[in-house]
Amino acid sequence: MAGTSRHDREMATNAKRRLSEASDPMERLRLQCLARGSSGIKGLSRTFKIMDDDNNRTLDLKEFMKGLNDYGILIDKQEATDLFLQFDRDGSGTIDFDEFLISLRPQMSKARKEVVMQAFRKLDKTGDGVITIEDLRGVYNPKYHPKYQNGEWTEDQVFRKFLDSFDSPYDKDGKVTNEEFMNYYAGVSASIDTDVYFIVMTRSAWKL
């Protein structure tokens, strides 16, 4: 997956450049997340999850504002309120944050989503919808990692580092759900123009 760090840098630079021209609040929020790299949107999702004390997967305006602020998103109060109202379609005063995050994610074509889900299913050996260190054994070879070769890290540490690359930088739990995996790849996808190149890159990364 060495290519993704280069794509991350390109995407972050591109997002920062486009941010200066964007006026739509949703687009501005999306670009601020993408400016943090592929896991930017997933990081925001984790921030919301931490705030969702009662686990009902909804946020009111106050929680929504606090989540954006905690994640360091630069957005004025009016813009945040407009965004919130855009998603509070039934006027209940709360928004479903899963729905919000799906809308925030850059659009991916059906072909791209399919190849990402193929990769996820290959890694999720137990089929429980979550990739863990146990799933990676036999699928991902840690022996080529330089820190494993020089004795600095154990196999498990290499696996954990690998999972962390898909995890939010603010709340690493060593587990990756298909939603997180898709959020990560939506970020990668945003920096790649053609479906063909994206599919070839993903297939070759996971030997699909």
Protein backbone atom coordinates (compact mmCIF):
# COMPACT_ATOMS: atom_id res chain seq x y z
CA MET A 1 0.00 0.00 0.00
CA ALA A 2 3.03 2.26 -0.39
CA GLY A 3 1.21 4.24 -3.07
CA THR A 4 -1.39 5.56 -0.70
CA SER A 5 0.94 7.89 1.21
CA ARG A 6 1.82 9.63 -2.06
CA HIS A 7 -1.88 9.81 -2.97
CA ASP A 8 -2.60 11.20 0.49
CA ARG A 9 -0.12 14.02 0.00
CA GLU A 10 -1.48 14.82 -3.46
CA MET A 11 -5.05 14.74 -2.21
CA ALA A 12 -4.32 16.96 0.79
CA THR A 13 -2.60 19.54 -1.43
CA ASN A 14 -5.42 19.39 -3.97
CA ALA A 15 -8.10 19.72 -1.25
CA LYS A 16 -6.39 22.75 0.31
CA ARG A 17 -6.18 24.42 -3.09
CA ARG A 18 -9.85 23.78 -3.90
CA LEU A 19 -10.91 24.92 -0.44
CA SER A 20 -9.99 28.52 -1.24
CA GLU A 21 -12.49 28.48 -4.14
CA ALA A 22 -15.33 26.42 -2.59
CA SER A 23 -18.43 28.21 -1.32
CA ASP A 24 -20.88 25.33 -0.67
CA PRO A 25 -20.76 24.48 3.10
CA MET A 26 -20.84 20.70 2.45
CA GLU A 27 -18.05 20.91 -0.10
CA ARG A 28 -15.98 23.08 2.26
CA LEU A 29 -16.40 20.57 5.09
CA ARG A 30 -15.54 17.65 2.76
CA LEU A 31 -12.39 19.43 1.55
CA GLN A 32 -11.28 20.26 5.10
CA CYS A 33 -11.55 16.53 5.92
CA LEU A 34 -9.74 15.46 2.73
CA ALA A 35 -6.97 17.96 3.48
CA ARG A 36 -6.11 15.62 6.39
CA GLY A 37 -5.62 12.65 4.06
CA SER A 38 -7.60 9.50 3.35
CA SER A 39 -8.66 8.96 6.94
CA GLY A 40 -9.91 12.54 7.38
CA ILE A 41 -13.62 11.74 7.01
CA LYS A 42 -13.26 8.68 9.20
CA GLY A 43 -11.65 10.84 11.87
CA LEU A 44 -14.69 13.10 11.91
CA SER A 45 -16.95 10.05 12.17
CA ARG A 46 -14.98 8.86 15.22
CA THR A 47 -15.27 12.30 16.83
CA PHE A 48 -19.06 12.14 16.42
CA LYS A 49 -19.14 8.57 17.73
CA ILE A 50 -17.31 9.58 20.92
CA MET A 51 -19.85 12.35 21.52
CA ASP A 52 -22.85 10.09 20.97
CA ASP A 53 -23.19 9.21 24.66
CA ASP A 54 -26.50 7.36 24.37
CA ASN A 55 -25.41 5.43 21.24
CA ASN A 56 -28.53 6.41 19.30
CA ARG A 57 -26.36 7.49 16.31
CA THR A 58 -28.01 10.90 16.12
CA LEU A 59 -26.69 14.35 16.96
CA ASP A 60 -28.44 17.55 17.91
CA LEU A 61 -27.16 20.94 16.73
CA LYS A 62 -25.10 21.54 19.88
CA GLU A 63 -23.36 18.13 19.58
CA PHE A 64 -22.86 18.65 15.85
CA MET A 65 -21.17 22.03 16.43
CA LYS A 66 -19.03 20.64 19.25
CA GLY A 67 -17.95 17.67 17.09
CA LEU A 68 -16.84 19.93 14.25
CA ASN A 69 -15.04 22.19 16.70
CA ASP A 70 -13.32 19.28 18.53
CA TYR A 71 -12.08 17.94 15.20
CA GLY A 72 -10.64 21.36 14.35
CA ILE A 73 -12.95 22.13 11.42
CA LEU A 74 -12.96 25.85 10.63
CA ILE A 75 -16.58 26.70 10.02
CA ASP A 76 -18.66 29.63 11.19
CA LYS A 77 -21.81 29.15 13.23
CA GLN A 78 -24.18 30.10 10.41
CA GLU A 79 -22.52 27.70 7.96
CA ALA A 80 -22.68 24.85 10.50
CA THR A 81 -26.36 25.61 11.22
CA ASP A 82 -27.17 25.63 7.48
CA LEU A 83 -25.42 22.27 7.08
CA PHE A 84 -27.30 20.83 10.04
CA LEU A 85 -30.67 22.00 8.71
CA GLN A 86 -29.85 20.49 5.32
CA PHE A 87 -29.75 17.07 7.03
CA ASP A 88 -32.53 17.57 9.56
CA ARG A 89 -35.07 16.85 6.84
CA ASP A 90 -37.93 15.96 9.18
CA GLY A 91 -37.32 19.01 11.41
CA SER A 92 -36.81 16.80 14.48
CA GLY A 93 -33.83 18.83 15.74
CA THR A 94 -31.48 15.85 15.29
CA ILE A 95 -29.58 14.34 12.37
CA ASP A 96 -28.59 10.76 11.64
CA PHE A 97 -24.82 10.96 11.53
CA ASP A 98 -24.37 7.82 9.41
CA GLU A 99 -26.48 9.45 6.71
CA PHE A 100 -24.50 12.66 7.15
CA LEU A 101 -21.15 10.86 6.74
CA ILE A 102 -22.31 8.98 3.64
CA SER A 103 -23.24 12.33 2.07
CA LEU A 104 -19.93 13.83 3.15
CA ARG A 105 -17.95 11.03 1.54
CA PRO A 106 -16.77 11.87 -2.00
CA GLN A 107 -18.88 9.97 -4.52
CA MET A 108 -17.44 6.67 -5.75
CA SER A 109 -18.62 4.83 -8.85
CA LYS A 110 -20.26 1.42 -8.44
CA ALA A 111 -17.16 -0.25 -9.94
CA ARG A 112 -14.89 1.40 -7.36
CA LYS A 113 -17.17 0.43 -4.46
CA GLU A 114 -17.26 -3.17 -5.67
CA VAL A 115 -13.48 -3.56 -5.78
CA VAL A 116 -13.15 -1.96 -2.32
CA MET A 117 -15.72 -4.41 -0.90
CA GLN A 118 -13.85 -7.32 -2.55
CA ALA A 119 -10.68 -6.20 -0.75
CA PHE A 120 -12.58 -5.85 2.54
CA ARG A 121 -14.08 -9.33 2.24
CA LYS A 122 -10.65 -10.82 1.50
CA LEU A 123 -9.20 -9.23 4.63
CA ASP A 124 -12.22 -10.02 6.82
CA LYS A 125 -11.43 -13.74 7.04
CA THR A 126 -13.93 -14.40 9.84
CA GLY A 127 -16.70 -12.66 7.90
CA ASP A 128 -17.94 -10.73 10.96
CA GLY A 129 -17.77 -7.30 9.26
CA VAL A 130 -14.68 -6.14 11.18
CA ILE A 131 -10.98 -6.54 10.26
CA THR A 132 -8.76 -7.36 13.26
CA ILE A 133 -5.19 -8.59 13.78
CA GLU A 134 -6.52 -12.17 13.74
CA ASP A 135 -8.06 -11.64 10.28
CA LEU A 136 -4.76 -10.39 8.88
CA ARG A 137 -2.78 -13.54 9.71
CA GLY A 138 -2.21 -15.43 6.48
CA VAL A 139 -3.60 -12.57 4.35
CA TYR A 140 -1.01 -9.89 4.95
CA ASN A 141 2.66 -10.84 5.22
CA PRO A 142 4.48 -8.75 7.85
CA LYS A 143 7.92 -10.29 7.16
CA TYR A 144 8.77 -7.71 4.47
CA HIS A 145 8.21 -4.79 6.80
CA PRO A 146 11.60 -3.11 7.50
CA LYS A 147 10.89 -2.81 11.24
CA TYR A 148 10.09 -6.52 11.43
CA GLN A 149 13.26 -7.35 9.51
CA ASN A 150 15.49 -5.36 11.87
CA GLY A 151 13.85 -6.90 14.95
CA GLU A 152 12.29 -3.64 16.15
CA TRP A 153 8.67 -4.83 15.80
CA THR A 154 6.85 -8.14 16.29
CA GLU A 155 4.39 -9.51 13.71
CA ASP A 156 1.50 -8.20 15.82
CA GLN A 157 3.00 -4.70 15.91
CA VAL A 158 3.26 -4.70 12.10
CA PHE A 159 -0.38 -5.85 11.85
CA ARG A 160 -1.49 -3.17 14.30
CA LYS A 161 0.37 -0.45 12.39
CA PHE A 162 -1.31 -1.66 9.20
CA LEU A 163 -4.78 -1.46 10.79
CA ASP A 164 -3.98 1.97 12.24
CA SER A 165 -3.51 3.35 8.72
CA PHE A 166 -7.24 2.78 8.14
CA ASP A 167 -8.18 3.99 11.59
CA SER A 168 -8.84 7.51 12.76
CA PRO A 169 -5.68 9.17 14.10
CA TYR A 170 -7.65 10.22 17.19
CA ASP A 171 -9.12 6.92 18.30
CA LYS A 172 -7.22 3.84 17.19
CA ASP A 173 -8.91 0.67 18.41
CA GLY A 174 -7.20 -1.92 16.18
CA LYS A 175 -10.47 -2.75 14.43
CA VAL A 176 -11.62 -1.61 11.01
CA THR A 177 -15.30 -1.82 10.01
CA ASN A 178 -16.40 -1.93 6.37
CA GLU A 179 -17.74 1.62 6.84
CA GLU A 180 -14.28 2.81 7.96
CA PHE A 181 -12.61 0.92 5.12
CA MET A 182 -15.01 2.52 2.62
CA ASN A 183 -14.48 5.98 4.17
CA TYR A 184 -10.72 5.52 3.81
CA TYR A 185 -10.99 4.46 0.19
CA ALA A 186 -13.43 7.27 -0.63
CA GLY A 187 -10.56 9.55 0.39
CA VAL A 188 -8.05 7.66 -1.77
CA SER A 189 -10.59 7.62 -4.62
CA ALA A 190 -10.95 11.40 -4.49
CA SER A 191 -7.33 11.76 -5.59
CA ILE A 192 -7.58 9.31 -8.54
CA ASP A 193 -9.26 10.47 -11.73
CA THR A 194 -9.98 7.25 -13.60
CA ASP A 195 -11.90 4.16 -12.49
CA VAL A 196 -9.46 1.94 -14.39
CA TYR A 197 -6.41 3.20 -12.48
CA PHE A 198 -8.22 3.04 -9.12
CA ILE A 199 -9.36 -0.55 -9.76
CA VAL A 200 -5.93 -1.69 -10.99
CA MET A 201 -4.23 -0.08 -7.98
CA THR A 202 -6.66 -1.62 -5.47
CA ARG A 203 -6.55 -5.07 -7.11
CA SER A 204 -2.77 -5.08 -7.17
CA ALA A 205 -2.51 -3.85 -3.55
CA TRP A 206 -4.69 -6.75 -2.31
CA LYS A 207 -3.82 -9.34 -5.00
CA LEU A 208 -7.49 -9.69 -5.93
